[in-house]
Protein backbone atom coordinates (compact mmCIF):
# COMPACT_ATOMS: atom_id res chain seq x y z
CA MET A 1 -83.86 33.99 -84.45
CA THR A 2 -86.34 36.67 -83.52
CA SER A 3 -86.60 37.99 -80.00
CA GLY A 4 -88.61 35.74 -77.72
CA GLN A 5 -88.42 32.76 -80.09
CA THR A 6 -87.33 29.48 -78.55
CA GLY A 7 -86.38 26.17 -80.02
CA PRO A 8 -83.70 24.73 -82.24
CA PRO A 9 -81.94 26.87 -84.81
CA ALA A 10 -82.98 26.74 -88.47
CA ALA A 11 -79.36 26.28 -89.62
CA PRO A 12 -76.88 24.05 -87.77
CA HIS A 13 -74.98 25.68 -84.92
CA VAL A 14 -71.57 24.34 -83.92
CA ALA A 15 -69.43 24.96 -80.83
CA VAL A 16 -66.14 23.19 -80.00
CA PHE A 17 -63.92 23.48 -76.94
CA ARG A 18 -60.72 21.65 -76.01
CA PHE A 19 -60.13 20.81 -72.34
CA PRO A 20 -57.00 19.45 -70.63
CA ALA A 21 -57.27 15.71 -69.89
CA ASP A 22 -57.76 16.35 -66.20
CA PRO A 23 -60.63 15.44 -63.83
CA ALA A 24 -61.57 19.15 -63.73
CA ALA A 25 -62.61 18.77 -67.40
CA CYS A 26 -65.84 16.95 -66.42
CA PRO A 27 -67.53 19.87 -64.62
CA LEU A 28 -66.04 22.32 -67.13
CA ALA A 29 -67.50 20.31 -70.04
CA ARG A 30 -70.90 20.21 -68.32
CA HIS A 31 -70.77 23.98 -67.86
CA PHE A 32 -69.73 24.46 -71.51
CA VAL A 33 -72.60 22.29 -72.81
CA ARG A 34 -75.19 23.97 -70.56
CA GLY A 35 -73.96 27.42 -71.57
CA VAL A 36 -73.99 26.64 -75.29
CA LEU A 37 -77.47 25.10 -75.14
CA GLY A 38 -78.75 28.05 -73.11
CA GLU A 39 -77.34 30.47 -75.67
CA TRP A 40 -79.01 28.49 -78.46
CA ARG A 41 -82.30 28.39 -76.49
CA LEU A 42 -82.18 24.60 -76.18
CA ALA A 43 -82.11 24.42 -72.39
CA GLN A 44 -84.74 21.64 -72.45
CA ALA A 45 -82.00 19.25 -73.66
CA ALA A 46 -79.35 20.42 -71.18
CA ASP A 47 -79.88 17.89 -68.36
CA VAL A 48 -79.44 14.78 -70.50
CA ALA A 49 -76.75 16.40 -72.68
CA GLU A 50 -74.73 17.44 -69.61
CA LEU A 51 -74.98 14.02 -67.97
CA LEU A 52 -73.94 12.10 -71.08
CA THR A 53 -71.18 14.56 -71.97
CA SER A 54 -69.76 14.24 -68.47
CA GLU A 55 -69.74 10.44 -68.77
CA LEU A 56 -67.95 10.51 -72.13
CA VAL A 57 -65.44 13.13 -70.97
CA GLY A 58 -64.67 10.98 -67.90
CA ASN A 59 -64.08 7.99 -70.18
CA ALA A 60 -61.89 10.12 -72.47
CA ILE A 61 -59.79 11.29 -69.51
CA ASP A 62 -59.27 7.66 -68.46
CA ALA A 63 -58.28 6.79 -72.05
CA CYS A 64 -55.83 9.71 -72.16
CA ALA A 65 -54.03 8.41 -69.07
CA GLY A 66 -52.48 5.68 -71.22
CA ALA A 67 -52.28 7.69 -74.42
CA GLU A 68 -48.68 8.98 -74.11
CA ARG A 69 -47.66 6.32 -76.62
CA PHE A 70 -50.02 7.85 -79.20
CA ASP A 71 -49.21 10.89 -81.27
CA GLY A 72 -51.35 13.61 -82.77
CA GLY A 73 -53.05 16.82 -81.75
CA LEU A 74 -55.28 15.28 -79.07
CA VAL A 75 -52.57 14.04 -76.68
CA GLY A 76 -53.19 15.49 -73.22
CA CYS A 77 -56.58 16.94 -74.06
CA VAL A 78 -60.24 16.12 -74.63
CA GLU A 79 -62.27 17.94 -77.26
CA VAL A 80 -66.03 18.44 -76.94
CA GLY A 81 -68.11 19.43 -79.96
CA VAL A 82 -71.79 20.42 -79.87
CA THR A 83 -73.89 20.63 -83.05
CA ALA A 84 -77.61 21.47 -83.15
CA ASP A 85 -79.99 21.65 -86.06
CA ARG A 86 -83.77 21.74 -86.32
CA ASP A 87 -84.48 18.38 -84.62
CA ARG A 88 -81.20 16.87 -83.42
CA LEU A 89 -78.45 17.61 -80.94
CA LEU A 90 -75.10 15.92 -81.65
CA ILE A 91 -72.34 15.88 -79.05
CA GLU A 92 -68.89 14.51 -79.87
CA VAL A 93 -66.04 13.83 -77.44
CA ALA A 94 -62.58 13.20 -78.92
CA ASP A 95 -59.44 11.85 -77.24
CA ALA A 96 -56.00 10.58 -78.33
CA ASP A 97 -56.65 6.85 -77.79
CA PRO A 98 -57.80 5.20 -81.05
CA ARG A 99 -59.16 2.11 -79.27
CA PRO A 100 -62.97 1.87 -79.31
CA PRO A 101 -64.91 2.47 -76.09
CA THR A 102 -65.52 -0.73 -74.14
CA PRO A 103 -68.74 -1.04 -72.12
CA ARG A 104 -68.28 -2.52 -68.66
CA ASP A 105 -70.61 -4.76 -66.73
CA PRO A 106 -70.68 -3.18 -63.25
CA GLY A 107 -72.13 -4.90 -60.22
CA PRO A 108 -75.19 -3.46 -58.47
CA ASP A 109 -73.04 -1.77 -55.78
CA ASP A 110 -70.34 -0.39 -58.10
CA GLU A 111 -70.29 3.42 -58.27
CA SER A 112 -68.62 3.58 -61.69
CA GLY A 113 -68.70 1.75 -65.00
CA ARG A 114 -72.17 2.82 -66.10
CA GLY A 115 -71.23 5.67 -68.43
CA LEU A 116 -71.83 3.88 -71.72
CA MET A 117 -74.94 2.24 -70.27
CA LEU A 118 -76.32 5.72 -69.59
CA VAL A 119 -75.40 6.85 -73.10
CA GLU A 120 -77.05 3.78 -74.60
CA GLY A 121 -80.15 4.23 -72.47
CA LEU A 122 -80.69 7.98 -72.89
CA ALA A 123 -79.37 8.85 -76.36
CA GLU A 124 -81.34 8.29 -79.55
CA ARG A 125 -78.19 7.02 -81.24
CA TRP A 126 -74.53 6.81 -80.34
CA GLY A 127 -71.32 5.47 -81.82
CA HIS A 128 -67.64 6.08 -82.37
CA HIS A 129 -65.15 6.52 -85.20
CA LEU A 130 -61.46 7.23 -85.63
CA ALA A 131 -60.38 10.86 -85.46
CA THR A 132 -58.15 11.76 -88.37
CA ASP A 133 -55.66 14.50 -89.07
CA GLY A 134 -54.74 14.85 -92.73
CA GLY A 135 -56.10 11.34 -93.41
CA ARG A 136 -53.99 9.85 -90.60
CA PRO A 137 -55.77 8.44 -87.51
CA HIS A 138 -54.87 10.17 -84.25
CA GLY A 139 -57.52 9.15 -81.74
CA LYS A 140 -61.23 8.49 -81.59
CA VAL A 141 -64.49 10.38 -81.40
CA VAL A 142 -67.38 9.02 -79.34
CA TRP A 143 -70.68 10.71 -80.17
CA PHE A 144 -74.35 10.67 -79.25
CA GLU A 145 -77.52 12.25 -80.59
CA ILE A 146 -80.57 13.52 -78.72
CA ALA A 147 -83.86 14.22 -80.46
CA LEU A 148 -84.83 17.78 -79.55
CA ALA A 149 -88.57 17.18 -79.87
CA SER A 150 -88.82 14.09 -77.61
CA ALA A 151 -91.22 13.93 -74.68
CA ALA A 152 -89.67 14.39 -71.26
CA ALA A 153 -90.30 12.96 -67.83
CA PRO A 154 -90.78 15.43 -64.96
CA VAL A 155 -87.06 15.23 -64.15
CA GLY A 156 -86.06 16.07 -67.73
CA LEU A 157 -85.22 12.56 -68.90
CA PRO A 158 -86.57 11.25 -72.22
CA ILE A 159 -89.34 8.66 -72.20
CA ARG A 160 -88.82 5.77 -74.61
CA LEU A 161 -90.15 2.27 -74.92
CA PRO A 162 -87.55 -0.51 -75.12
CA THR A 163 -86.55 -1.73 -78.57
CA PRO A 164 -85.05 -5.11 -79.53
CA ARG A 165 -81.33 -5.55 -78.87
CA VAL A 166 -78.99 -5.31 -81.84
CA GLY A 167 -77.15 -8.53 -82.74
CA PRO A 168 -73.32 -8.65 -82.70
CA GLU A 169 -73.11 -8.52 -86.49
CA GLN A 170 -75.11 -5.27 -86.53
CA ALA A 171 -73.35 -3.74 -83.52
CA GLU A 172 -70.11 -3.26 -85.48
CA SER A 173 -71.60 -0.68 -87.84
CA SER A 174 -71.11 2.94 -86.86
CA PRO A 175 -73.21 4.92 -86.19
CA HIS A 176 -75.44 2.31 -84.68
CA PRO A 177 -78.95 2.87 -83.37
CA ARG A 178 -79.60 2.84 -79.69
CA SER A 179 -79.94 -0.72 -78.43
CA GLY A 180 -83.08 -1.51 -76.48
CA LEU A 181 -82.98 -1.35 -72.72
CA ALA A 182 -85.62 -1.15 -70.09
CA LEU A 183 -86.84 2.35 -69.35
CA PRO A 184 -84.22 4.40 -67.50
CA ASP A 185 -84.02 3.84 -63.73
CA LEU A 186 -84.89 7.40 -62.69
CA ALA A 187 -83.78 6.86 -59.09
CA LEU A 188 -80.34 5.68 -60.22
CA LEU A 189 -80.03 8.56 -62.68
CA GLY A 190 -81.03 11.00 -59.94
CA ARG A 191 -78.28 9.63 -57.67
CA VAL A 192 -75.73 9.89 -60.50
CA ARG A 193 -76.85 13.47 -61.23
CA ARG A 194 -76.52 14.48 -57.56
CA ARG A 195 -73.01 13.00 -57.39
CA LEU A 196 -72.02 14.86 -60.57
CA ASP A 197 -73.25 18.12 -59.09
CA LEU A 198 -70.84 17.62 -56.16
CA VAL A 199 -67.80 17.60 -58.49
């Protein structure tokens, strides 16, 4: 990349970091993602990428709490991978629990349980698959993609029109396209962002 040039790299860039499965991993993962995207001159994607990474890392930490019964290289840690090419940003979060992520249905006053809803609402696509080591499963990877050329709202959130919901028979395929939701509630996302900044 020549000096002064901004935008996504011509060839894919990859960065991976492994964090302990501890609540401190959430702010550390946000810092890692922001730093990597800044280095790659993709800071325009950092707000959404940080928020969604933090949500997935929080879910992975919760999954690791009951993962002592599992074996493999991911026990006690959460791995975050960032890959960027010309038009896409892919972020993957791996943990030792092979069970798929389960979306929750939080009440209007609940302060947690919206992580996968945020991922579904803000990512272009997301999904999960088993993590393998030598062909043997040893956890799962939950991933999401962000289009690097998408329009952005003043607060840095992507603007998308809702799309039809995916039926249950289509929802099993991985990766699956983003299911349609109403446009993101910017006030709610702002409150979530402010709370994350306090951690």
